[in-house]
Amino acid sequence: MDLRAFEEDNAVSCLLDSAAPAACRTQPCCLGIDEAGRGPVLGPMVYGICYCPVARQGDLEAIKVADSKTLTEAQREQLFEKLDAAKDFVGWALHILSPNFISTSMQRRAKYNLNALSHDTAIGLIQHALDSGVQVAEVFVDTVGPAEKYQEKLKQQFPGLEVTVKPKADSLFPVVSAASICAKVARDRVVKNWKFVEALENVDSDYGSGYPNDPKTKEWLTQCLDPVFGFPQFVRFSWSTAQVILENKAVAVRWDDTEDDPSQKSAQSLLSYFARKDTPTRRPAHRFFYERKLETVTSL
């Protein structure tokens, strides 16, 4: 699994895939869909598909795939290597959704929630498999939202396919288990090797589980917050946990039309953060400044 395309620019999303086996181009195939990293406030969400000929589902089961959540990281890595080595009948594809993409999508003016984003990503991966020449006949999906509505949505989008949407599909259908393993392995590798473009020298690298209710994660979010520019790109700033920290710790924005509002009188101006200070701050300058070669001046 070559993740360099995403690691070179982790602010944008990335589609990765294996070559489609010749058998999958000529025989009816089953395709499973699952995701990894839906809940965390940190890191990307990864959607994965895995597919194989219907006639060779027994061979897929022989690899002993299972729901990725029931496996250790080492077991997931071993199973992915087996899946990737079965190039004669197994194919996979991944869509890595960056934290930045997730948050900006959810904060559009037009409502676009995580369920809709998940549905659209799954639809895009099915279409990608079809465009790659895979003879998809059956699709199995781990549900996001009400299973019946999601299943009907996919059937309308792909009327020629037999679609099954079930809760816990990753523990019911081996092809979904395989997709779950592919997605989880990719997310684990991306998170472990995340390249921070922001200067975080004084911030602890241990951010806990990444889930919103983890005290260690909340502490890390507070440490890495820049009062003007917010969080690193690793953070899903649309999550309520991140927004609460922003509201409590970051600089309030005062708009021109609110200057007469008494409640805004005590708000600290953003301009104060650009002024030269007699004593140096512990936090290094934000990359906004050094990328643009900006320095504070006292006279012109």
Protein backbone atom coordinates (compact mmCIF):
# COMPACT_ATOMS: atom_id res chain seq x y z
CA MET A 1 0.00 0.00 0.00
CA ASP A 2 1.78 3.12 -1.23
CA LEU A 3 0.51 6.13 0.74
CA ARG A 4 3.02 8.65 -0.58
CA ALA A 5 0.44 10.44 -2.73
CA PHE A 6 -1.55 11.34 0.38
CA GLU A 7 1.45 11.94 2.64
CA GLU A 8 2.84 14.52 0.20
CA ASP A 9 -0.26 16.69 0.78
CA ASN A 10 -2.43 15.50 3.64
CA ALA A 11 -4.69 18.55 3.40
CA VAL A 12 -6.55 17.02 0.47
CA SER A 13 -8.24 13.66 -0.05
CA CYS A 14 -6.70 10.84 -2.05
CA LEU A 15 -7.89 7.74 -3.95
CA LEU A 16 -5.65 4.66 -3.96
CA ASP A 17 -6.26 1.26 -5.50
CA SER A 18 -4.80 -2.05 -6.54
CA ALA A 19 -4.88 -3.32 -10.08
CA ALA A 20 -8.17 -5.05 -10.92
CA PRO A 21 -7.46 -8.81 -11.34
CA ALA A 22 -8.22 -10.29 -14.74
CA ALA A 23 -10.71 -12.68 -13.12
CA CYS A 24 -12.67 -9.71 -11.76
CA ARG A 25 -12.97 -8.26 -15.24
CA THR A 26 -14.57 -11.39 -16.67
CA GLN A 27 -16.55 -12.96 -13.81
CA PRO A 28 -19.44 -11.63 -11.66
CA CYS A 29 -18.00 -10.15 -8.49
CA CYS A 30 -19.10 -9.35 -4.96
CA LEU A 31 -17.90 -6.07 -3.45
CA GLY A 32 -17.80 -5.02 0.21
CA ILE A 33 -17.62 -1.49 1.63
CA ASP A 34 -16.58 -0.29 5.08
CA GLU A 35 -14.86 2.66 6.72
CA ALA A 36 -12.34 3.38 9.45
CA GLY A 37 -12.05 6.51 11.57
CA ARG A 38 -15.58 7.87 11.45
CA GLY A 39 -15.73 9.01 15.09
CA PRO A 40 -12.30 10.47 16.00
CA VAL A 41 -11.68 14.20 16.13
CA LEU A 42 -8.15 13.57 14.82
CA GLY A 43 -6.94 12.20 11.50
CA PRO A 44 -8.63 11.12 8.28
CA MET A 45 -11.61 8.90 7.66
CA VAL A 46 -10.81 6.10 5.22
CA TYR A 47 -13.40 4.33 3.08
CA GLY A 48 -12.40 1.00 1.61
CA ILE A 49 -13.77 -1.50 -0.87
CA CYS A 50 -12.63 -5.04 -1.49
CA TYR A 51 -13.93 -7.31 -4.25
CA CYS A 52 -13.49 -10.79 -5.67
CA PRO A 53 -15.37 -13.15 -8.04
CA VAL A 54 -18.54 -14.54 -6.48
CA ALA A 55 -17.29 -18.02 -7.33
CA ARG A 56 -14.16 -17.47 -5.20
CA GLN A 57 -15.72 -16.21 -1.98
CA GLY A 58 -14.62 -19.46 -0.37
CA ASP A 59 -11.00 -18.59 -1.16
CA LEU A 60 -11.52 -15.20 0.46
CA GLU A 61 -12.95 -16.85 3.58
CA ALA A 62 -9.91 -19.16 3.67
CA ILE A 63 -7.73 -16.09 4.29
CA LYS A 64 -9.68 -15.83 7.58
CA VAL A 65 -10.63 -12.18 7.31
CA ALA A 66 -12.65 -10.75 10.22
CA ASP A 67 -14.06 -7.46 11.43
CA SER A 68 -11.01 -5.21 11.81
CA LYS A 69 -12.20 -3.98 15.23
CA THR A 70 -11.78 -7.51 16.64
CA LEU A 71 -8.17 -7.77 15.44
CA THR A 72 -4.90 -6.39 16.74
CA GLU A 73 -2.88 -4.03 14.59
CA ALA A 74 -0.39 -6.81 13.84
CA GLN A 75 -3.17 -9.20 12.79
CA ARG A 76 -4.69 -6.56 10.51
CA GLU A 77 -1.32 -5.93 8.88
CA GLN A 78 -0.80 -9.66 8.26
CA LEU A 79 -4.26 -10.11 6.78
CA PHE A 80 -3.86 -7.09 4.52
CA GLU A 81 -0.60 -8.51 3.19
CA LYS A 82 -2.44 -11.76 2.40
CA LEU A 83 -5.24 -9.87 0.64
CA ASP A 84 -2.77 -7.78 -1.33
CA ALA A 85 -0.84 -10.92 -2.30
CA ALA A 86 -3.98 -12.58 -3.70
CA LYS A 87 -3.72 -10.47 -6.83
CA ASP A 88 -5.20 -13.15 -9.04
CA PHE A 89 -8.67 -12.77 -7.53
CA VAL A 90 -8.78 -9.95 -4.94
CA GLY A 91 -8.79 -6.23 -5.60
CA TRP A 92 -9.22 -3.21 -3.33
CA ALA A 93 -9.54 0.57 -3.41
CA LEU A 94 -9.37 3.27 -0.74
CA HIS A 95 -10.58 6.83 -0.49
CA ILE A 96 -8.70 8.73 2.23
CA LEU A 97 -10.74 11.75 3.34
CA SER A 98 -8.48 14.32 4.97
CA PRO A 99 -9.55 16.00 8.23
CA ASN A 100 -9.49 19.33 6.40
CA PHE A 101 -11.80 18.03 3.67
CA ILE A 102 -14.21 16.50 6.20
CA SER A 103 -14.54 19.70 8.21
CA THR A 104 -14.82 22.11 5.28
CA SER A 105 -17.43 19.83 3.69
CA MET A 106 -19.53 19.73 6.87
CA GLN A 107 -19.36 23.51 7.29
CA ARG A 108 -20.68 24.38 3.87
CA ARG A 109 -23.55 26.87 3.70
CA ALA A 110 -25.72 24.09 2.30
CA LYS A 111 -26.19 21.32 4.86
CA TYR A 112 -23.85 18.39 4.18
CA ASN A 113 -23.47 16.07 7.16
CA LEU A 114 -21.14 13.14 7.78
CA ASN A 115 -23.73 10.59 6.68
CA ALA A 116 -24.17 12.29 3.30
CA LEU A 117 -20.39 12.51 2.90
CA SER A 118 -20.09 8.81 3.74
CA HIS A 119 -22.82 7.83 1.26
CA ASP A 120 -21.26 9.87 -1.54
CA THR A 121 -17.83 8.37 -0.87
CA ALA A 122 -19.23 4.83 -0.97
CA ILE A 123 -21.07 5.57 -4.23
CA GLY A 124 -17.88 7.00 -5.69
CA LEU A 125 -15.90 3.85 -4.82
CA ILE A 126 -18.52 1.54 -6.37
CA GLN A 127 -18.44 3.65 -9.52
CA HIS A 128 -14.64 3.56 -9.49
CA ALA A 129 -14.70 -0.24 -9.44
CA LEU A 130 -17.18 -0.32 -12.34
CA ASP A 131 -15.09 2.20 -14.30
CA SER A 132 -12.04 -0.01 -13.70
CA GLY A 133 -13.78 -2.87 -15.48
CA VAL A 134 -14.77 -4.90 -12.42
CA GLN A 135 -17.90 -6.95 -13.15
CA VAL A 136 -19.68 -5.99 -9.94
CA ALA A 137 -22.86 -8.01 -9.39
CA GLU A 138 -23.36 -7.91 -5.60
CA VAL A 139 -22.60 -5.11 -3.14
CA PHE A 140 -22.49 -5.52 0.66
CA VAL A 141 -22.30 -2.40 2.84
CA ASP A 142 -21.92 -1.71 6.54
CA THR A 143 -24.73 0.78 7.11
CA VAL A 144 -24.41 4.48 7.86
CA GLY A 145 -27.74 5.73 9.14
CA PRO A 146 -30.99 3.77 8.58
CA ALA A 147 -30.09 0.62 6.60
CA GLU A 148 -33.32 0.51 4.57
CA LYS A 149 -33.01 4.10 3.31
CA TYR A 150 -29.32 3.68 2.52
CA GLN A 151 -29.99 0.43 0.64
CA GLU A 152 -32.74 2.05 -1.42
CA LYS A 153 -30.46 4.98 -2.22
CA LEU A 154 -27.76 2.64 -3.53
CA LYS A 155 -30.26 0.60 -5.52
CA GLN A 156 -31.53 3.75 -7.22
CA GLN A 157 -27.96 4.78 -8.01
CA PHE A 158 -26.99 1.30 -9.27
CA PRO A 159 -30.21 -0.42 -10.47
CA GLY A 160 -28.32 -3.28 -12.10
CA LEU A 161 -26.63 -4.41 -8.87
CA GLU A 162 -27.87 -6.54 -6.00
CA VAL A 163 -27.32 -4.37 -2.92
CA THR A 164 -27.39 -5.47 0.72
CA VAL A 165 -26.97 -2.91 3.52
CA LYS A 166 -26.77 -4.28 7.05
CA PRO A 167 -25.63 -3.12 10.49
CA LYS A 168 -22.42 -4.94 11.51
CA ALA A 169 -21.92 -6.09 7.92
CA ASP A 170 -18.19 -6.25 8.63
CA SER A 171 -18.87 -9.23 10.89
CA LEU A 172 -21.47 -10.85 8.60
CA PHE A 173 -19.86 -10.81 5.15
CA PRO A 174 -16.18 -11.72 4.54
CA VAL A 175 -15.90 -9.28 1.64
CA VAL A 176 -16.93 -6.43 3.98
CA SER A 177 -14.49 -7.70 6.61
CA ALA A 178 -11.76 -7.50 3.98
CA ALA A 179 -12.76 -3.92 3.11
CA SER A 180 -12.72 -3.08 6.82
CA ILE A 181 -9.17 -4.40 7.16
CA CYS A 182 -7.96 -2.42 4.14
CA ALA A 183 -9.48 0.81 5.46
CA LYS A 184 -8.20 0.35 9.02
CA VAL A 185 -4.66 -0.53 7.96
CA ALA A 186 -4.52 2.57 5.77
CA ARG A 187 -5.78 4.87 8.52
CA ASP A 188 -3.40 3.41 11.11
CA ARG A 189 -0.43 3.93 8.80
CA VAL A 190 -1.48 7.47 7.88
CA VAL A 191 -2.01 8.51 11.51
CA LYS A 192 1.26 6.94 12.66
CA ASN A 193 3.28 8.69 9.93
CA TRP A 194 1.36 12.00 9.87
CA LYS A 195 3.56 14.91 8.78
CA PHE A 196 2.67 18.09 10.63
CA VAL A 197 3.26 21.17 8.49
CA GLU A 198 2.70 23.31 11.57
CA ALA A 199 5.45 24.03 14.10
CA LEU A 200 4.52 21.89 17.12
CA GLU A 201 7.92 21.55 18.81
CA ASN A 202 6.58 22.18 22.33
CA VAL A 203 3.46 20.04 21.97
CA ASP A 204 3.30 16.50 23.34
CA SER A 205 3.19 13.91 20.54
CA ASP A 206 0.92 11.63 22.60
CA TYR A 207 -2.63 12.61 21.66
CA GLY A 208 -4.37 9.54 23.06
CA SER A 209 -6.98 7.60 21.11
CA GLY A 210 -8.10 10.56 19.03
CA TYR A 211 -11.72 10.16 20.17
CA PRO A 212 -13.56 13.26 21.47
CA ASN A 213 -14.25 11.86 24.95
CA ASP A 214 -10.61 10.93 25.62
CA PRO A 215 -9.11 13.35 28.23
CA LYS A 216 -5.65 12.92 26.67
CA THR A 217 -7.01 13.93 23.27
CA LYS A 218 -8.76 16.98 24.75
CA GLU A 219 -5.54 18.01 26.50
CA TRP A 220 -3.58 17.68 23.25
CA LEU A 221 -6.15 19.77 21.38
CA THR A 222 -5.77 22.54 23.95
CA GLN A 223 -1.96 22.41 23.72
CA CYS A 224 -1.78 22.57 19.94
CA LEU A 225 -4.35 25.35 19.52
CA ASP A 226 -3.06 28.56 17.98
CA PRO A 227 -5.24 31.39 19.35
CA VAL A 228 -5.54 33.06 15.93
CA PHE A 229 -5.15 30.29 13.34
CA GLY A 230 -6.78 27.46 15.24
CA PHE A 231 -5.80 23.81 15.00
CA PRO A 232 -3.30 21.84 12.88
CA GLN A 233 -4.66 20.14 9.76
CA PHE A 234 -4.67 16.88 11.71
CA VAL A 235 -7.76 18.08 13.61
CA ARG A 236 -11.37 17.90 12.39
CA PHE A 237 -12.25 21.41 13.49
CA SER A 238 -15.96 20.89 12.74
CA TRP A 239 -16.26 18.39 15.63
CA SER A 240 -18.05 19.86 18.66
CA THR A 241 -15.12 19.02 20.95
CA ALA A 242 -12.80 21.17 18.83
CA GLN A 243 -15.35 23.95 18.50
CA VAL A 244 -15.84 24.19 22.27
CA ILE A 245 -12.07 24.57 22.76
CA LEU A 246 -11.97 27.23 20.04
CA GLU A 247 -14.77 29.18 21.69
CA ASN A 248 -13.10 29.05 25.11
CA LYS A 249 -9.42 29.41 24.21
CA ALA A 250 -9.11 31.18 20.84
CA VAL A 251 -9.37 34.89 20.08
CA ALA A 252 -12.90 36.12 19.49
CA VAL A 253 -13.54 37.71 16.12
CA ARG A 254 -15.14 41.15 16.31
CA TRP A 255 -16.87 42.21 13.12
CA ASP A 256 -17.28 45.86 12.14
CA ASP A 257 -21.05 45.75 12.54
CA THR A 258 -20.73 44.55 16.15
CA GLU A 259 -18.44 47.32 17.44
CA ASP A 260 -21.36 48.97 19.20
CA ASP A 261 -22.34 45.74 20.93
CA PRO A 262 -21.55 46.16 24.68
CA SER A 263 -20.72 42.45 24.97
CA GLN A 264 -17.86 42.93 22.48
CA LYS A 265 -16.14 45.78 24.35
CA SER A 266 -13.87 43.49 26.34
CA ALA A 267 -12.97 41.24 23.41
CA GLN A 268 -9.27 41.27 22.64
CA SER A 269 -8.45 42.54 19.17
CA LEU A 270 -6.85 40.22 16.64
CA LEU A 271 -4.41 43.05 15.82
CA SER A 272 -2.83 42.63 19.24
CA TYR A 273 -1.48 39.24 18.12
CA PHE A 274 0.43 40.85 15.25
CA ALA A 275 2.17 43.52 17.33
CA ARG A 276 5.84 43.17 18.28
CA LYS A 277 6.24 42.11 21.91
CA ASP A 278 9.06 43.10 24.26
CA THR A 279 9.36 39.56 25.56
CA PRO A 280 9.48 36.70 23.04
CA THR A 281 6.63 34.21 23.08
CA ARG A 282 7.25 30.52 23.70
CA ARG A 283 5.20 29.48 20.69
CA PRO A 284 7.03 29.78 17.33
CA ALA A 285 5.50 31.90 14.60
CA HIS A 286 2.65 30.26 12.73
CA ARG A 287 3.50 28.90 9.29
CA PHE A 288 1.12 31.52 7.80
CA PHE A 289 3.91 34.04 8.41
CA TYR A 290 7.02 32.14 7.38
CA GLU A 291 5.39 30.66 4.25
CA ARG A 292 4.71 34.23 3.12
CA LYS A 293 8.04 35.56 4.46
CA LEU A 294 6.22 38.02 6.77
CA GLU A 295 7.93 39.74 9.69
CA THR A 296 6.70 42.23 12.24
CA VAL A 297 8.09 45.74 11.74
CA THR A 298 8.01 48.74 14.09
CA SER A 299 8.59 51.45 11.48
CA LEU A 300 8.35 51.94 7.73
